[in-house]
Amino acid sequence: MTMTGESEQRPWGAWHVLDEGDGFKVKRIDVQPHQRLSYQTHEHRAEHWFIVTGKATCVIDGETVIAGPGQTVDVAIGQAHRITNEEDELLQIVEIQMGRYTGEDDIVRLEDDYGRSPE
């Protein structure tokens, strides 16, 4: 279980837990220029992404959605999704996870640029 204030470096950038409680977790996600997260699903949580800076190119169940500062993207439980930063500036997103379980091991990677296996 993660704790408020925890952060982790990833090959694409980093995430930082801003708040956490029963049934939710709030993270800031920093995606470096020209990087992308794995194409993944979650069995136990939905996600709501609020774009703070940059432009997010998101793939949700195979459909591309582009969102900029102040815009949001919703991902339902079980939907395949990926965030890509195709720009030259840092992409920052506030992610709100909602579900009965928000642990980092609730990730099923379908595709990954960095050779990581499903968690």
PDB file of N, CA and C in Angstrom:
ATOM      1  N   MET A   1       0.842  -1.189   0.000  1.00  0.00           N
ATOM      2  CA  MET A   1       0.000   0.000   0.000  1.00  0.00           C
ATOM      3  C   MET A   1       0.880   1.242   0.000  1.00  0.00           C
ATOM      4  N   THR A   2       0.563   2.199  -0.862  1.00  0.00           N
ATOM      5  CA  THR A   2       1.332   3.431  -0.889  1.00  0.00           C
ATOM      6  C   THR A   2       0.825   4.371   0.192  1.00  0.00           C
ATOM      7  N   MET A   3       1.614   5.369   0.463  1.00  0.00           N
ATOM      8  CA  MET A   3       1.247   6.339   1.486  1.00  0.00           C
ATOM      9  C   MET A   3       1.344   7.738   0.899  1.00  0.00           C
ATOM     10  N   THR A   4       0.565   8.679   1.466  1.00  0.00           N
ATOM     11  CA  THR A   4       0.628  10.058   1.043  1.00  0.00           C
ATOM     12  C   THR A   4       2.074  10.534   1.122  1.00  0.00           C
ATOM     13  N   GLY A   5       2.523  11.215   0.089  1.00  0.00           N
ATOM     14  CA  GLY A   5       3.894  11.698   0.035  1.00  0.00           C
ATOM     15  C   GLY A   5       4.845  10.751  -0.667  1.00  0.00           C
ATOM     16  N   GLU A   6       4.425   9.509  -0.892  1.00  0.00           N
ATOM     17  CA  GLU A   6       5.281   8.555  -1.589  1.00  0.00           C
ATOM     18  C   GLU A   6       5.405   8.962  -3.050  1.00  0.00           C
ATOM     19  N   SER A   7       6.569   8.698  -3.619  1.00  0.00           N
ATOM     20  CA  SER A   7       6.757   8.949  -5.045  1.00  0.00           C
ATOM     21  C   SER A   7       7.659   7.860  -5.602  1.00  0.00           C
ATOM     22  N   GLU A   8       7.610   7.716  -6.910  1.00  0.00           N
ATOM     23  CA  GLU A   8       8.424   6.695  -7.550  1.00  0.00           C
ATOM     24  C   GLU A   8       8.840   7.179  -8.930  1.00  0.00           C
ATOM     25  N   GLN A   9      10.118   6.998  -9.242  1.00  0.00           N
ATOM     26  CA  GLN A   9      10.606   7.288 -10.583  1.00  0.00           C
ATOM     27  C   GLN A   9      10.253   6.112 -11.487  1.00  0.00           C
ATOM     28  N   ARG A  10       9.845   6.413 -12.688  1.00  0.00           N
ATOM     29  CA  ARG A  10       9.556   5.397 -13.695  1.00  0.00           C
ATOM     30  C   ARG A  10      10.346   5.753 -14.954  1.00  0.00           C
ATOM     31  N   PRO A  11      10.473   4.828 -15.900  1.00  0.00           N
ATOM     32  CA  PRO A  11      11.249   5.144 -17.109  1.00  0.00           C
ATOM     33  C   PRO A  11      10.697   6.343 -17.887  1.00  0.00           C
ATOM     34  N   TRP A  12       9.403   6.594 -17.785  1.00  0.00           N
ATOM     35  CA  TRP A  12       8.740   7.681 -18.512  1.00  0.00           C
ATOM     36  C   TRP A  12       8.671   8.991 -17.735  1.00  0.00           C
ATOM     37  N   GLY A  13       8.985   8.962 -16.429  1.00  0.00           N
ATOM     38  CA  GLY A  13       8.856  10.152 -15.585  1.00  0.00           C
ATOM     39  C   GLY A  13       8.743   9.770 -14.125  1.00  0.00           C
ATOM     40  N   ALA A  14       7.672  10.243 -13.464  1.00  0.00           N
ATOM     41  CA  ALA A  14       7.496   9.935 -12.040  1.00  0.00           C
ATOM     42  C   ALA A  14       6.048  10.142 -11.627  1.00  0.00           C
ATOM     43  N   TRP A  15       5.684   9.536 -10.483  1.00  0.00           N
ATOM     44  CA  TRP A  15       4.384   9.828  -9.866  1.00  0.00           C
ATOM     45  C   TRP A  15       4.591  10.141  -8.392  1.00  0.00           C
ATOM     46  N   HIS A  16       3.661  10.936  -7.854  1.00  0.00           N
ATOM     47  CA  HIS A  16       3.726  11.391  -6.467  1.00  0.00           C
ATOM     48  C   HIS A  16       2.325  11.289  -5.868  1.00  0.00           C
ATOM     49  N   VAL A  17       2.180  10.619  -4.736  1.00  0.00           N
ATOM     50  CA  VAL A  17       0.874  10.521  -4.075  1.00  0.00           C
ATOM     51  C   VAL A  17       0.614  11.806  -3.307  1.00  0.00           C
ATOM     52  N   LEU A  18      -0.487  12.481  -3.643  1.00  0.00           N
ATOM     53  CA  LEU A  18      -0.863  13.736  -2.998  1.00  0.00           C
ATOM     54  C   LEU A  18      -1.832  13.522  -1.845  1.00  0.00           C
ATOM     55  N   ASP A  19      -2.712  12.541  -1.974  1.00  0.00           N
ATOM     56  CA  ASP A  19      -3.702  12.251  -0.936  1.00  0.00           C
ATOM     57  C   ASP A  19      -4.218  10.840  -1.158  1.00  0.00           C
ATOM     58  N   GLU A  20      -4.754  10.260  -0.096  1.00  0.00           N
ATOM     59  CA  GLU A  20      -5.230   8.877  -0.170  1.00  0.00           C
ATOM     60  C   GLU A  20      -6.222   8.651   0.963  1.00  0.00           C
ATOM     61  N   GLY A  21      -7.262   7.889   0.671  1.00  0.00           N
ATOM     62  CA  GLY A  21      -8.249   7.554   1.685  1.00  0.00           C
ATOM     63  C   GLY A  21      -8.992   6.305   1.264  1.00  0.00           C
ATOM     64  N   ASP A  22     -10.037   5.978   2.004  1.00  0.00           N
ATOM     65  CA  ASP A  22     -10.813   4.780   1.724  1.00  0.00           C
ATOM     66  C   ASP A  22     -11.504   4.921   0.370  1.00  0.00           C
ATOM     67  N   GLY A  23     -11.078   4.123  -0.607  1.00  0.00           N
ATOM     68  CA  GLY A  23     -11.716   4.115  -1.918  1.00  0.00           C
ATOM     69  C   GLY A  23     -11.175   5.118  -2.920  1.00  0.00           C
ATOM     70  N   PHE A  24     -10.101   5.859  -2.559  1.00  0.00           N
ATOM     71  CA  PHE A  24      -9.542   6.803  -3.528  1.00  0.00           C
ATOM     72  C   PHE A  24      -8.057   7.048  -3.278  1.00  0.00           C
ATOM     73  N   LYS A  25      -7.384   7.512  -4.334  1.00  0.00           N
ATOM     74  CA  LYS A  25      -5.997   7.969  -4.250  1.00  0.00           C
ATOM     75  C   LYS A  25      -5.830   9.090  -5.257  1.00  0.00           C
ATOM     76  N   VAL A  26      -5.061  10.124  -4.897  1.00  0.00           N
ATOM     77  CA  VAL A  26      -4.783  11.246  -5.784  1.00  0.00           C
ATOM     78  C   VAL A  26      -3.281  11.302  -6.025  1.00  0.00           C
ATOM     79  N   LYS A  27      -2.885  11.320  -7.309  1.00  0.00           N
ATOM     80  CA  LYS A  27      -1.470  11.365  -7.681  1.00  0.00           C
ATOM     81  C   LYS A  27      -1.210  12.516  -8.640  1.00  0.00           C
ATOM     82  N   ARG A  28       0.019  13.041  -8.589  1.00  0.00           N
ATOM     83  CA  ARG A  28       0.511  13.893  -9.666  1.00  0.00           C
ATOM     84  C   ARG A  28       1.408  13.014 -10.518  1.00  0.00           C
ATOM     85  N   ILE A  29       1.160  13.012 -11.818  1.00  0.00           N
ATOM     86  CA  ILE A  29       1.950  12.214 -12.749  1.00  0.00           C
ATOM     87  C   ILE A  29       2.721  13.170 -13.653  1.00  0.00           C
ATOM     88  N   ASP A  30       4.041  13.011 -13.691  1.00  0.00           N
ATOM     89  CA  ASP A  30       4.907  13.817 -14.543  1.00  0.00           C
ATOM     90  C   ASP A  30       5.415  12.920 -15.671  1.00  0.00           C
ATOM     91  N   VAL A  31       5.043  13.255 -16.912  1.00  0.00           N
ATOM     92  CA  VAL A  31       5.471  12.471 -18.070  1.00  0.00           C
ATOM     93  C   VAL A  31       6.476  13.312 -18.854  1.00  0.00           C
ATOM     94  N   GLN A  32       7.694  12.804 -18.974  1.00  0.00           N
ATOM     95  CA  GLN A  32       8.747  13.518 -19.679  1.00  0.00           C
ATOM     96  C   GLN A  32       8.416  13.635 -21.170  1.00  0.00           C
ATOM     97  N   PRO A  33       8.995  14.657 -21.844  1.00  0.00           N
ATOM     98  CA  PRO A  33       8.739  14.820 -23.283  1.00  0.00           C
ATOM     99  C   PRO A  33       9.056  13.547 -24.072  1.00  0.00           C
ATOM    100  N   HIS A  34       8.159  13.229 -24.997  1.00  0.00           N
ATOM    101  CA  HIS A  34       8.310  12.111 -25.938  1.00  0.00           C
ATOM    102  C   HIS A  34       8.392  10.749 -25.231  1.00  0.00           C
ATOM    103  N   GLN A  35       7.694  10.630 -24.107  1.00  0.00           N
ATOM    104  CA  GLN A  35       7.621   9.367 -23.371  1.00  0.00           C
ATOM    105  C   GLN A  35       6.149   8.980 -23.226  1.00  0.00           C
ATOM    106  N   ARG A  36       5.925   7.698 -22.902  1.00  0.00           N
ATOM    107  CA  ARG A  36       4.552   7.255 -22.673  1.00  0.00           C
ATOM    108  C   ARG A  36       4.529   6.128 -21.653  1.00  0.00           C
ATOM    109  N   LEU A  37       3.407   6.052 -20.956  1.00  0.00           N
ATOM    110  CA  LEU A  37       3.184   4.979 -19.987  1.00  0.00           C
ATOM    111  C   LEU A  37       2.804   3.711 -20.744  1.00  0.00           C
ATOM    112  N   SER A  38       2.801   2.595 -20.047  1.00  0.00           N
ATOM    113  CA  SER A  38       2.382   1.349 -20.685  1.00  0.00           C
ATOM    114  C   SER A  38       0.888   1.409 -21.019  1.00  0.00           C
ATOM    115  N   TYR A  39       0.503   0.616 -22.027  1.00  0.00           N
ATOM    116  CA  TYR A  39      -0.919   0.439 -22.349  1.00  0.00           C
ATOM    117  C   TYR A  39      -1.394  -0.604 -21.359  1.00  0.00           C
ATOM    118  N   GLN A  40      -2.346  -0.247 -20.491  1.00  0.00           N
ATOM    119  CA  GLN A  40      -2.656  -1.078 -19.340  1.00  0.00           C
ATOM    120  C   GLN A  40      -4.132  -1.046 -18.982  1.00  0.00           C
ATOM    121  N   THR A  41      -4.502  -1.977 -18.107  1.00  0.00           N
ATOM    122  CA  THR A  41      -5.848  -1.999 -17.535  1.00  0.00           C
ATOM    123  C   THR A  41      -5.732  -2.160 -16.021  1.00  0.00           C
ATOM    124  N   HIS A  42      -6.832  -1.872 -15.337  1.00  0.00           N
ATOM    125  CA  HIS A  42      -6.930  -2.084 -13.890  1.00  0.00           C
ATOM    126  C   HIS A  42      -8.223  -2.837 -13.596  1.00  0.00           C
ATOM    127  N   GLU A  43      -8.146  -3.804 -12.704  1.00  0.00           N
ATOM    128  CA  GLU A  43      -9.323  -4.594 -12.354  1.00  0.00           C
ATOM    129  C   GLU A  43     -10.166  -3.954 -11.254  1.00  0.00           C
ATOM    130  N   HIS A  44      -9.553  -3.065 -10.465  1.00  0.00           N
ATOM    131  CA  HIS A  44     -10.231  -2.593  -9.254  1.00  0.00           C
ATOM    132  C   HIS A  44     -10.454  -1.089  -9.185  1.00  0.00           C
ATOM    133  N   ARG A  45      -9.980  -0.331 -10.173  1.00  0.00           N
ATOM    134  CA  ARG A  45     -10.123   1.119 -10.055  1.00  0.00           C
ATOM    135  C   ARG A  45     -10.426   1.786 -11.384  1.00  0.00           C
ATOM    136  N   ALA A  46     -11.146   2.898 -11.296  1.00  0.00           N
ATOM    137  CA  ALA A  46     -11.350   3.817 -12.414  1.00  0.00           C
ATOM    138  C   ALA A  46     -10.409   4.992 -12.191  1.00  0.00           C
ATOM    139  N   GLU A  47     -10.140   5.748 -13.252  1.00  0.00           N
ATOM    140  CA  GLU A  47      -9.254   6.894 -13.127  1.00  0.00           C
ATOM    141  C   GLU A  47      -9.867   8.115 -13.797  1.00  0.00           C
ATOM    142  N   HIS A  48      -9.605   9.284 -13.196  1.00  0.00           N
ATOM    143  CA  HIS A  48     -10.038  10.574 -13.730  1.00  0.00           C
ATOM    144  C   HIS A  48      -8.768  11.417 -13.836  1.00  0.00           C
ATOM    145  N   TRP A  49      -8.429  11.836 -15.049  1.00  0.00           N
ATOM    146  CA  TRP A  49      -7.196  12.596 -15.272  1.00  0.00           C
ATOM    147  C   TRP A  49      -7.527  14.058 -15.528  1.00  0.00           C
ATOM    148  N   PHE A  50      -6.875  14.948 -14.792  1.00  0.00           N
ATOM    149  CA  PHE A  50      -6.994  16.396 -14.986  1.00  0.00           C
ATOM    150  C   PHE A  50      -5.644  16.884 -15.504  1.00  0.00           C
ATOM    151  N   ILE A  51      -5.625  17.449 -16.701  1.00  0.00           N
ATOM    152  CA  ILE A  51      -4.375  17.908 -17.296  1.00  0.00           C
ATOM    153  C   ILE A  51      -4.023  19.265 -16.700  1.00  0.00           C
ATOM    154  N   VAL A  52      -2.813  19.368 -16.123  1.00  0.00           N
ATOM    155  CA  VAL A  52      -2.359  20.605 -15.485  1.00  0.00           C
ATOM    156  C   VAL A  52      -1.503  21.410 -16.456  1.00  0.00           C
ATOM    157  N   THR A  53      -0.450  20.803 -16.989  1.00  0.00           N
ATOM    158  CA  THR A  53       0.405  21.465 -17.972  1.00  0.00           C
ATOM    159  C   THR A  53       0.720  20.478 -19.094  1.00  0.00           C
ATOM    160  N   GLY A  54       0.972  21.019 -20.288  1.00  0.00           N
ATOM    161  CA  GLY A  54       1.317  20.174 -21.421  1.00  0.00           C
ATOM    162  C   GLY A  54       0.083  19.691 -22.157  1.00  0.00           C
ATOM    163  N   LYS A  55       0.304  18.733 -23.030  1.00  0.00           N
ATOM    164  CA  LYS A  55      -0.785  18.150 -23.820  1.00  0.00           C
ATOM    165  C   LYS A  55      -0.686  16.637 -23.725  1.00  0.00           C
ATOM    166  N   ALA A  56      -1.767  16.008 -23.306  1.00  0.00           N
ATOM    167  CA  ALA A  56      -1.812  14.549 -23.156  1.00  0.00           C
ATOM    168  C   ALA A  56      -2.462  13.932 -24.381  1.00  0.00           C
ATOM    169  N   THR A  57      -1.764  12.973 -24.979  1.00  0.00           N
ATOM    170  CA  THR A  57      -2.352  12.160 -26.035  1.00  0.00           C
ATOM    171  C   THR A  57      -2.696  10.830 -25.376  1.00  0.00           C
ATOM    172  N   CYS A  58      -3.983  10.584 -25.180  1.00  0.00           N
ATOM    173  CA  CYS A  58      -4.453   9.423 -24.423  1.00  0.00           C
ATOM    174  C   CYS A  58      -5.100   8.421 -25.376  1.00  0.00           C
ATOM    175  N   VAL A  59      -4.840   7.158 -25.135  1.00  0.00           N
ATOM    176  CA  VAL A  59      -5.534   6.103 -25.864  1.00  0.00           C
ATOM    177  C   VAL A  59      -6.411   5.378 -24.850  1.00  0.00           C
ATOM    178  N   ILE A  60      -7.714   5.375 -25.104  1.00  0.00           N
ATOM    179  CA  ILE A  60      -8.687   4.718 -24.234  1.00  0.00           C
ATOM    180  C   ILE A  60      -9.418   3.684 -25.085  1.00  0.00           C
ATOM    181  N   ASP A  61      -9.198   2.396 -24.782  1.00  0.00           N
ATOM    182  CA  ASP A  61      -9.811   1.316 -25.567  1.00  0.00           C
ATOM    183  C   ASP A  61      -9.608   1.518 -27.072  1.00  0.00           C
ATOM    184  N   GLY A  62      -8.398   1.907 -27.465  1.00  0.00           N
ATOM    185  CA  GLY A  62      -8.071   2.034 -28.875  1.00  0.00           C
ATOM    186  C   GLY A  62      -8.417   3.370 -29.512  1.00  0.00           C
ATOM    187  N   GLU A  63      -9.140   4.252 -28.803  1.00  0.00           N
ATOM    188  CA  GLU A  63      -9.503   5.557 -29.348  1.00  0.00           C
ATOM    189  C   GLU A  63      -8.591   6.623 -28.775  1.00  0.00           C
ATOM    190  N   THR A  64      -8.106   7.527 -29.637  1.00  0.00           N
ATOM    191  CA  THR A  64      -7.199   8.584 -29.199  1.00  0.00           C
ATOM    192  C   THR A  64      -7.985   9.819 -28.768  1.00  0.00           C
ATOM    193  N   VAL A  65      -7.636  10.340 -27.599  1.00  0.00           N
ATOM    194  CA  VAL A  65      -8.223  11.559 -27.055  1.00  0.00           C
ATOM    195  C   VAL A  65      -7.060  12.488 -26.724  1.00  0.00           C
ATOM    196  N   ILE A  66      -7.119  13.738 -27.202  1.00  0.00           N
ATOM    197  CA  ILE A  66      -6.074  14.710 -26.895  1.00  0.00           C
ATOM    198  C   ILE A  66      -6.666  15.741 -25.944  1.00  0.00           C
ATOM    199  N   ALA A  67      -5.953  15.989 -24.825  1.00  0.00           N
ATOM    200  CA  ALA A  67      -6.458  16.904 -23.810  1.00  0.00           C
ATOM    201  C   ALA A  67      -5.348  17.845 -23.365  1.00  0.00           C
ATOM    202  N   GLY A  68      -5.705  19.106 -23.139  1.00  0.00           N
ATOM    203  CA  GLY A  68      -4.760  20.116 -22.693  1.00  0.00           C
ATOM    204  C   GLY A  68      -5.113  20.623 -21.311  1.00  0.00           C
ATOM    205  N   PRO A  69      -4.394  21.635 -20.830  1.00  0.00           N
ATOM    206  CA  PRO A  69      -4.605  22.162 -19.481  1.00  0.00           C
ATOM    207  C   PRO A  69      -6.070  22.502 -19.201  1.00  0.00           C
ATOM    208  N   GLY A  70      -6.548  22.023 -18.057  1.00  0.00           N
ATOM    209  CA  GLY A  70      -7.928  22.265 -17.646  1.00  0.00           C
ATOM    210  C   GLY A  70      -8.919  21.241 -18.163  1.00  0.00           C
ATOM    211  N   GLN A  71      -8.487  20.364 -19.046  1.00  0.00           N
ATOM    212  CA  GLN A  71      -9.384  19.338 -19.583  1.00  0.00           C
ATOM    213  C   GLN A  71      -9.212  18.038 -18.807  1.00  0.00           C
ATOM    214  N   THR A  72     -10.210  17.171 -18.909  1.00  0.00           N
ATOM    215  CA  THR A  72     -10.196  15.912 -18.171  1.00  0.00           C
ATOM    216  C   THR A  72     -10.461  14.738 -19.100  1.00  0.00           C
ATOM    217  N   VAL A  73     -10.001  13.569 -18.650  1.00  0.00           N
ATOM    218  CA  VAL A  73     -10.228  12.307 -19.359  1.00  0.00           C
ATOM    219  C   VAL A  73     -10.624  11.280 -18.307  1.00  0.00           C
ATOM    220  N   ASP A  74     -11.649  10.489 -18.594  1.00  0.00           N
ATOM    221  CA  ASP A  74     -12.109   9.453 -17.660  1.00  0.00           C
ATOM    222  C   ASP A  74     -11.826   8.067 -18.218  1.00  0.00           C
ATOM    223  N   VAL A  75     -11.382   7.184 -17.335  1.00  0.00           N
ATOM    224  CA  VAL A  75     -11.106   5.790 -17.676  1.00  0.00           C
ATOM    225  C   VAL A  75     -11.912   4.908 -16.730  1.00  0.00           C
ATOM    226  N   ALA A  76     -12.780   4.074 -17.276  1.00  0.00           N
ATOM    227  CA  ALA A  76     -13.595   3.174 -16.455  1.00  0.00           C
ATOM    228  C   ALA A  76     -12.780   1.946 -16.032  1.00  0.00           C
ATOM    229  N   ILE A  77     -13.240   1.289 -14.996  1.00  0.00           N
ATOM    230  CA  ILE A  77     -12.596   0.050 -14.559  1.00  0.00           C
ATOM    231  C   ILE A  77     -12.543  -0.921 -15.744  1.00  0.00           C
ATOM    232  N   GLY A  78     -11.372  -1.493 -15.986  1.00  0.00           N
ATOM    233  CA  GLY A  78     -11.209  -2.484 -17.044  1.00  0.00           C
ATOM    234  C   GLY A  78     -10.892  -1.927 -18.419  1.00  0.00           C
ATOM    235  N   GLN A  79     -11.014  -0.606 -18.627  1.00  0.00           N
ATOM    236  CA  GLN A  79     -10.704  -0.033 -19.936  1.00  0.00           C
ATOM    237  C   GLN A  79      -9.193   0.015 -20.143  1.00  0.00           C
ATOM    238  N   ALA A  80      -8.736  -0.399 -21.314  1.00  0.00           N
ATOM    239  CA  ALA A  80      -7.318  -0.286 -21.658  1.00  0.00           C
ATOM    240  C   ALA A  80      -7.010   1.185 -21.901  1.00  0.00           C
ATOM    241  N   HIS A  81      -5.860   1.640 -21.382  1.00  0.00           N
ATOM    242  CA  HIS A  81      -5.535   3.056 -21.497  1.00  0.00           C
ATOM    243  C   HIS A  81      -4.028   3.302 -21.468  1.00  0.00           C
ATOM    244  N   ARG A  82      -3.658   4.457 -22.012  1.00  0.00           N
ATOM    245  CA  ARG A  82      -2.246   4.869 -22.044  1.00  0.00           C
ATOM    246  C   ARG A  82      -2.206   6.391 -22.138  1.00  0.00           C
ATOM    247  N   ILE A  83      -1.218   6.987 -21.472  1.00  0.00           N
ATOM    248  CA  ILE A  83      -0.948   8.423 -21.575  1.00  0.00           C
ATOM    249  C   ILE A  83       0.376   8.583 -22.316  1.00  0.00           C
ATOM    250  N   THR A  84       0.387   9.461 -23.324  1.00  0.00           N
ATOM    251  CA  THR A  84       1.593   9.754 -24.088  1.00  0.00           C
ATOM    252  C   THR A  84       1.838  11.258 -24.082  1.00  0.00           C
ATOM    253  N   ASN A  85       3.097  11.638 -23.938  1.00  0.00           N
ATOM    254  CA  ASN A  85       3.500  13.033 -24.081  1.00  0.00           C
ATOM    255  C   ASN A  85       4.285  13.144 -25.384  1.00  0.00           C
ATOM    256  N   GLU A  86       3.630  13.636 -26.426  1.00  0.00           N
ATOM    257  CA  GLU A  86       4.273  13.777 -27.730  1.00  0.00           C
ATOM    258  C   GLU A  86       4.931  15.144 -27.904  1.00  0.00           C
ATOM    259  N   GLU A  87       4.876  15.964 -26.863  1.00  0.00           N
ATOM    260  CA  GLU A  87       5.359  17.340 -26.945  1.00  0.00           C
ATOM    261  C   GLU A  87       6.790  17.477 -26.428  1.00  0.00           C
ATOM    262  N   ASP A  88       7.324  18.701 -26.520  1.00  0.00           N
ATOM    263  CA  ASP A  88       8.682  18.996 -26.062  1.00  0.00           C
ATOM    264  C   ASP A  88       8.718  19.510 -24.630  1.00  0.00           C
ATOM    265  N   GLU A  89       7.550  19.660 -23.977  1.00  0.00           N
ATOM    266  CA  GLU A  89       7.495  20.139 -22.598  1.00  0.00           C
ATOM    267  C   GLU A  89       6.941  19.045 -21.680  1.00  0.00           C
ATOM    268  N   LEU A  90       7.202  19.205 -20.401  1.00  0.00           N
ATOM    269  CA  LEU A  90       6.712  18.264 -19.399  1.00  0.00           C
ATOM    270  C   LEU A  90       5.186  18.225 -19.402  1.00  0.00           C
ATOM    271  N   LEU A  91       4.619  17.038 -19.283  1.00  0.00           N
ATOM    272  CA  LEU A  91       3.178  16.843 -19.127  1.00  0.00           C
ATOM    273  C   LEU A  91       2.915  16.525 -17.665  1.00  0.00           C
ATOM    274  N   GLN A  92       2.048  17.313 -17.025  1.00  0.00           N
ATOM    275  CA  GLN A  92       1.667  17.037 -15.638  1.00  0.00           C
ATOM    276  C   GLN A  92       0.168  16.806 -15.571  1.00  0.00           C
ATOM    277  N   ILE A  93      -0.185  15.720 -14.897  1.00  0.00           N
ATOM    278  CA  ILE A  93      -1.574  15.301 -14.759  1.00  0.00           C
ATOM    279  C   ILE A  93      -1.847  15.039 -13.285  1.00  0.00           C
ATOM    280  N   VAL A  94      -3.016  15.458 -12.808  1.00  0.00           N
ATOM    281  CA  VAL A  94      -3.489  15.017 -11.503  1.00  0.00           C
ATOM    282  C   VAL A  94      -4.456  13.873 -11.781  1.00  0.00           C
ATOM    283  N   GLU A  95      -4.127  12.718 -11.221  1.00  0.00           N
ATOM    284  CA  GLU A  95      -4.922  11.507 -11.436  1.00  0.00           C
ATOM    285  C   GLU A  95      -5.678  11.182 -10.152  1.00  0.00           C
ATOM    286  N   ILE A  96      -6.990  11.024 -10.279  1.00  0.00           N
ATOM    287  CA  ILE A  96      -7.811  10.588  -9.150  1.00  0.00           C
ATOM    288  C   ILE A  96      -8.229   9.154  -9.433  1.00  0.00           C
ATOM    289  N   GLN A  97      -7.781   8.248  -8.576  1.00  0.00           N
ATOM    290  CA  GLN A  97      -8.149   6.833  -8.691  1.00  0.00           C
ATOM    291  C   GLN A  97      -9.315   6.573  -7.748  1.00  0.00           C
ATOM    292  N   MET A  98     -10.337   5.866  -8.244  1.00  0.00           N
ATOM    293  CA  MET A  98     -11.506   5.544  -7.435  1.00  0.00           C
ATOM    294  C   MET A  98     -11.783   4.056  -7.543  1.00  0.00           C
ATOM    295  N   GLY A  99     -11.895   3.387  -6.410  1.00  0.00           N
ATOM    296  CA  GLY A  99     -12.184   1.962  -6.435  1.00  0.00           C
ATOM    297  C   GLY A  99     -11.897   1.331  -5.096  1.00  0.00           C
ATOM    298  N   ARG A 100     -12.309   0.078  -4.961  1.00  0.00           N
ATOM    299  CA  ARG A 100     -12.147  -0.597  -3.678  1.00  0.00           C
ATOM    300  C   ARG A 100     -10.686  -0.907  -3.366  1.00  0.00           C
ATOM    301  N   TYR A 101      -9.817  -0.867  -4.417  1.00  0.00           N
ATOM    302  CA  TYR A 101      -8.395  -1.135  -4.217  1.00  0.00           C
ATOM    303  C   TYR A 101      -7.608  -0.258  -5.180  1.00  0.00           C
ATOM    304  N   THR A 102      -6.609   0.480  -4.660  1.00  0.00           N
ATOM    305  CA  THR A 102      -5.831   1.395  -5.497  1.00  0.00           C
ATOM    306  C   THR A 102      -4.329   1.088  -5.433  1.00  0.00           C
ATOM    307  N   GLY A 103      -3.970  -0.146  -5.128  1.00  0.00           N
ATOM    308  CA  GLY A 103      -2.570  -0.537  -5.022  1.00  0.00           C
ATOM    309  C   GLY A 103      -1.851  -0.534  -6.365  1.00  0.00           C
ATOM    310  N   GLU A 104      -0.541  -0.345  -6.299  1.00  0.00           N
ATOM    311  CA  GLU A 104       0.274  -0.301  -7.521  1.00  0.00           C
ATOM    312  C   GLU A 104       0.311  -1.643  -8.250  1.00  0.00           C
ATOM    313  N   ASP A 105      -0.035  -2.730  -7.566  1.00  0.00           N
ATOM    314  CA  ASP A 105      -0.012  -4.038  -8.229  1.00  0.00           C
ATOM    315  C   ASP A 105      -1.286  -4.320  -9.028  1.00  0.00           C
ATOM    316  N   ASP A 106      -2.221  -3.361  -9.075  1.00  0.00           N
ATOM    317  CA  ASP A 106      -3.417  -3.506  -9.912  1.00  0.00           C
ATOM    318  C   ASP A 106      -3.141  -2.908 -11.291  1.00  0.00           C
ATOM    319  N   ILE A 107      -2.086  -3.424 -11.934  1.00  0.00           N
ATOM    320  CA  ILE A 107      -1.717  -2.997 -13.278  1.00  0.00           C
ATOM    321  C   ILE A 107      -1.524  -4.248 -14.123  1.00  0.00           C
ATOM    322  N   VAL A 108      -2.247  -4.314 -15.239  1.00  0.00           N
ATOM    323  CA  VAL A 108      -2.016  -5.369 -16.223  1.00  0.00           C
ATOM    324  C   VAL A 108      -1.489  -4.655 -17.462  1.00  0.00           C
ATOM    325  N   ARG A 109      -0.206  -4.839 -17.744  1.00  0.00           N
ATOM    326  CA  ARG A 109       0.410  -4.168 -18.903  1.00  0.00           C
ATOM    327  C   ARG A 109       0.133  -4.963 -20.169  1.00  0.00           C
ATOM    328  N   LEU A 110      -0.472  -4.315 -21.149  1.00  0.00           N
ATOM    329  CA  LEU A 110      -0.771  -4.934 -22.431  1.00  0.00           C
ATOM    330  C   LEU A 110       0.362  -4.690 -23.427  1.00  0.00           C
ATOM    331  N   GLU A 111       0.975  -3.500 -23.344  1.00  0.00           N
ATOM    332  CA  GLU A 111       2.131  -3.135 -24.162  1.00  0.00           C
ATOM    333  C   GLU A 111       3.010  -2.247 -23.297  1.00  0.00           C
ATOM    334  N   ASP A 112       4.339  -2.351 -23.462  1.00  0.00           N
ATOM    335  CA  ASP A 112       5.233  -1.514 -22.669  1.00  0.00           C
ATOM    336  C   ASP A 112       6.502  -1.227 -23.457  1.00  0.00           C
ATOM    337  N   ASP A 113       6.853   0.041 -23.583  1.00  0.00           N
ATOM    338  CA  ASP A 113       8.042   0.459 -24.327  1.00  0.00           C
ATOM    339  C   ASP A 113       9.339   0.090 -23.614  1.00  0.00           C
ATOM    340  N   TYR A 114       9.257  -0.219 -22.337  1.00  0.00           N
ATOM    341  CA  TYR A 114      10.453  -0.386 -21.525  1.00  0.00           C
ATOM    342  C   TYR A 114      10.717  -1.844 -21.122  1.00  0.00           C
ATOM    343  N   GLY A 115       9.973  -2.772 -21.709  1.00  0.00           N
ATOM    344  CA  GLY A 115      10.225  -4.198 -21.464  1.00  0.00           C
ATOM    345  C   GLY A 115       9.791  -4.684 -20.105  1.00  0.00           C
ATOM    346  N   ARG A 116       8.932  -3.915 -19.413  1.00  0.00           N
ATOM    347  CA  ARG A 116       8.454  -4.364 -18.101  1.00  0.00           C
ATOM    348  C   ARG A 116       7.329  -5.375 -18.296  1.00  0.00           C
ATOM    349  N   SER A 117       7.280  -6.344 -17.406  1.00  0.00           N
ATOM    350  CA  SER A 117       6.231  -7.361 -17.485  1.00  0.00           C
ATOM    351  C   SER A 117       5.016  -6.887 -16.707  1.00  0.00           C
ATOM    352  N   PRO A 118       3.880  -7.551 -16.894  1.00  0.00           N
ATOM    353  CA  PRO A 118       2.682  -7.189 -16.112  1.00  0.00           C
ATOM    354  C   PRO A 118       2.985  -7.285 -14.624  1.00  0.00           C
ATOM    355  N   GLU A 119       2.451  -6.337 -13.850  1.00  0.00           N
ATOM    356  CA  GLU A 119       2.662  -6.345 -12.391  1.00  0.00           C
ATOM    357  C   GLU A 119       1.590  -7.178 -11.719  1.00  0.00           C
TER     358      GLU A 119
END
